[in-house]
């Protein structure tokens, strides 16, 4: 199923609603580690032993995050975890990926358009989870810079720019671009 990449994934909103109902914690920035571990039962491991940003091993319910990248940029770490949650919710929960196959997110592992679509789907889910559309529009309406908006959501400036672009929100006048 192809989804419009310019919209939000309703499964991310559903997951956030489930999290809010189960846990009384601040919702912004989204506590992505807690969503993964406490709500979904996924274990997060940072490791130097992978060459990708992250990977999901459905059979063990484990998310591996590249430790070097995680230490360099917390926003990227959060997006990586949200992306792997996207694979869990969008593909594993829906039965499109089954254990024992890990989900690797690198070009060499994506052999066809279905693989590429699953990556786009996981990216859209991650963006929808970390940067809920209504909240992004509210922040954008204040005229906040990309850097200020990214800080509010706990994401990188690059992720925030893409979210603005995909939601059709004009870049702030003081934004210098990518």
Protein backbone atom coordinates (compact mmCIF):
# COMPACT_ATOMS: atom_id res chain seq x y z
CA UNK A 1 0.00 0.00 0.00
CA UNK A 2 1.45 3.36 -1.02
CA UNK A 3 0.85 6.26 1.32
CA UNK A 4 1.06 9.94 0.43
CA UNK A 5 4.43 11.01 1.85
CA UNK A 6 3.14 14.56 2.32
CA UNK A 7 0.71 13.52 5.04
CA UNK A 8 0.95 12.07 8.51
CA UNK A 9 0.71 8.39 9.35
CA UNK A 10 -2.41 7.83 11.49
CA UNK A 11 -0.75 4.80 13.11
CA UNK A 12 1.75 7.16 14.75
CA UNK A 13 -1.08 9.26 16.18
CA UNK A 14 -2.76 6.08 17.44
CA UNK A 15 0.48 4.97 19.09
CA UNK A 16 0.91 8.38 20.76
CA UNK A 17 -2.69 8.21 22.03
CA UNK A 18 -2.05 4.73 23.47
CA UNK A 19 1.12 6.00 25.12
CA UNK A 20 -0.65 9.03 26.61
CA UNK A 21 -3.42 6.80 27.98
CA UNK A 22 -0.93 4.41 29.58
CA UNK A 23 1.68 6.84 30.93
CA UNK A 24 1.43 10.22 32.58
CA UNK A 25 4.57 11.82 31.15
CA UNK A 26 5.21 14.91 28.99
CA UNK A 27 4.35 14.32 25.35
CA UNK A 28 6.80 16.76 23.75
CA UNK A 29 9.37 16.02 22.84
CA UNK A 30 7.94 12.54 22.40
CA UNK A 31 9.72 10.16 24.82
CA UNK A 32 10.65 7.78 22.02
CA UNK A 33 12.74 5.45 24.22
CA UNK A 34 9.78 4.98 26.54
CA UNK A 35 7.39 4.42 23.63
CA UNK A 36 9.69 1.68 22.32
CA UNK A 37 10.50 0.02 25.65
CA UNK A 38 7.57 0.66 27.98
CA UNK A 39 4.70 0.58 25.49
CA UNK A 40 5.90 -1.81 22.79
CA UNK A 41 8.34 -3.97 24.73
CA UNK A 42 11.21 -3.31 22.33
CA UNK A 43 14.69 -3.27 23.82
CA UNK A 44 17.14 -0.61 22.62
CA UNK A 45 20.84 -1.37 22.40
CA UNK A 46 23.49 1.10 21.31
CA UNK A 47 26.42 -0.64 19.70
CA UNK A 48 29.57 0.04 17.72
CA UNK A 49 29.10 -3.27 15.91
CA UNK A 50 26.73 -2.08 13.16
CA UNK A 51 27.45 -0.01 10.08
CA UNK A 52 23.87 1.23 9.64
CA UNK A 53 22.10 3.88 11.72
CA UNK A 54 19.79 1.30 13.21
CA UNK A 55 18.19 -2.05 12.71
CA UNK A 56 15.27 -4.00 14.08
CA UNK A 57 15.44 -7.71 14.89
CA UNK A 58 11.77 -8.68 15.21
CA UNK A 59 12.47 -12.15 16.61
CA UNK A 60 14.20 -10.75 19.70
CA UNK A 61 12.18 -7.49 19.77
CA UNK A 62 15.46 -5.57 19.80
CA UNK A 63 16.40 -2.27 18.19
CA UNK A 64 20.11 -1.71 17.60
CA UNK A 65 21.31 1.88 17.26
CA UNK A 66 24.71 2.92 15.93
CA UNK A 67 26.43 4.24 19.07
CA UNK A 68 28.79 6.59 17.22
CA UNK A 69 25.92 8.30 15.41
CA UNK A 70 23.82 8.35 18.59
CA UNK A 71 26.61 10.13 20.48
CA UNK A 72 27.10 12.68 17.70
CA UNK A 73 23.49 13.75 17.37
CA UNK A 74 20.67 13.03 19.83
CA UNK A 75 18.05 14.11 17.28
CA UNK A 76 19.33 11.56 14.79
CA UNK A 77 19.34 8.87 17.51
CA UNK A 78 15.71 9.66 18.33
CA UNK A 79 14.72 9.57 14.65
CA UNK A 80 16.51 6.23 14.19
CA UNK A 81 14.58 4.70 17.09
CA UNK A 82 11.31 6.16 15.79
CA UNK A 83 12.12 4.76 12.33
CA UNK A 84 12.65 1.27 13.77
CA UNK A 85 9.40 1.62 15.74
CA UNK A 86 7.85 2.43 12.37
CA UNK A 87 9.08 -0.87 10.97
CA UNK A 88 7.65 -2.65 14.04
CA UNK A 89 4.23 -0.99 13.86
CA UNK A 90 3.85 -0.74 10.08
CA UNK A 91 5.37 -4.01 8.95
CA UNK A 92 5.74 -6.45 11.86
CA UNK A 93 2.43 -5.72 13.58
CA UNK A 94 0.69 -5.87 10.22
CA UNK A 95 2.34 -9.20 9.38
CA UNK A 96 4.30 -8.01 6.35
CA UNK A 97 7.67 -8.86 7.93
CA UNK A 98 8.04 -11.95 10.04
CA UNK A 99 10.87 -13.24 12.23
CA UNK A 100 13.64 -14.26 12.05
CA UNK A 101 14.60 -11.71 9.40
CA UNK A 102 16.19 -8.47 10.68
CA UNK A 103 15.18 -5.24 9.00
CA UNK A 104 18.28 -3.55 7.64
CA UNK A 105 17.94 -0.05 6.28
CA UNK A 106 20.72 0.36 3.75
CA UNK A 107 20.64 0.58 -0.03
CA UNK A 108 22.36 -2.79 -0.52
CA UNK A 109 19.59 -4.52 1.42
CA UNK A 110 16.75 -2.89 -0.51
CA UNK A 111 16.40 -5.07 -3.55
CA UNK A 112 13.11 -3.87 -4.95
CA UNK A 113 10.50 -1.13 -4.84
CA UNK A 114 8.65 -2.88 -1.97
CA UNK A 115 11.75 -2.57 0.24
CA UNK A 116 12.13 1.09 -0.68
CA UNK A 117 8.45 1.72 0.05
CA UNK A 118 8.84 0.12 3.50
CA UNK A 119 11.72 2.52 4.19
CA UNK A 120 9.67 5.53 3.10
CA UNK A 121 6.79 4.26 5.24
CA UNK A 122 9.06 3.91 8.30
CA UNK A 123 10.48 7.40 7.72
CA UNK A 124 7.01 8.92 7.41
CA UNK A 125 5.93 7.07 10.55
CA UNK A 126 8.99 8.36 12.44
CA UNK A 127 8.35 11.93 11.34
CA UNK A 128 4.67 11.62 12.28
CA UNK A 129 5.56 10.16 15.68
CA UNK A 130 8.23 12.67 16.65
CA UNK A 131 6.71 15.72 14.93
CA UNK A 132 2.91 15.39 15.07
CA UNK A 133 1.35 17.42 12.29
CA UNK A 134 -0.92 19.65 14.40
CA UNK A 135 1.91 20.49 16.77
CA UNK A 136 4.27 21.27 13.88
CA UNK A 137 1.70 23.65 12.39
CA UNK A 138 1.32 25.35 15.79
CA UNK A 139 5.07 25.83 16.16
CA UNK A 140 5.42 27.00 12.56
CA UNK A 141 2.68 29.58 13.12
CA UNK A 142 4.83 31.23 15.79
CA UNK A 143 7.53 31.94 13.20
CA UNK A 144 10.11 29.90 15.11
CA UNK A 145 13.31 29.18 13.25
CA UNK A 146 13.98 25.65 12.05
CA UNK A 147 16.59 25.26 14.80
CA UNK A 148 14.13 26.39 17.49
CA UNK A 149 11.39 24.14 16.12
CA UNK A 150 13.78 21.18 15.93
CA UNK A 151 14.79 21.75 19.55
CA UNK A 152 11.14 21.70 20.66
CA UNK A 153 10.65 18.30 19.02
CA UNK A 154 14.07 16.87 19.90
CA UNK A 155 14.98 16.24 16.27
CA UNK A 156 17.72 17.40 13.92
CA UNK A 157 17.37 20.53 11.83
CA UNK A 158 17.42 18.31 8.73
CA UNK A 159 14.46 16.26 9.99
CA UNK A 160 12.56 19.44 10.83
CA UNK A 161 13.18 20.91 7.36
CA UNK A 162 11.91 17.72 5.74
CA UNK A 163 8.81 17.74 7.96
CA UNK A 164 8.04 21.34 7.01
CA UNK A 165 8.56 20.48 3.34
CA UNK A 166 6.40 17.33 3.45
CA UNK A 167 3.60 19.18 5.25
CA UNK A 168 3.78 22.07 2.78
CA UNK A 169 4.84 24.58 5.45
CA UNK A 170 6.98 27.46 4.13
CA UNK A 171 10.45 27.69 5.62
CA UNK A 172 10.90 30.56 8.08
CA UNK A 173 12.49 33.67 6.57
CA UNK A 174 15.57 33.33 8.77
CA UNK A 175 16.25 29.72 7.73
CA UNK A 176 19.44 29.32 5.75
CA UNK A 177 18.48 25.99 4.15
CA UNK A 178 20.03 22.56 4.25
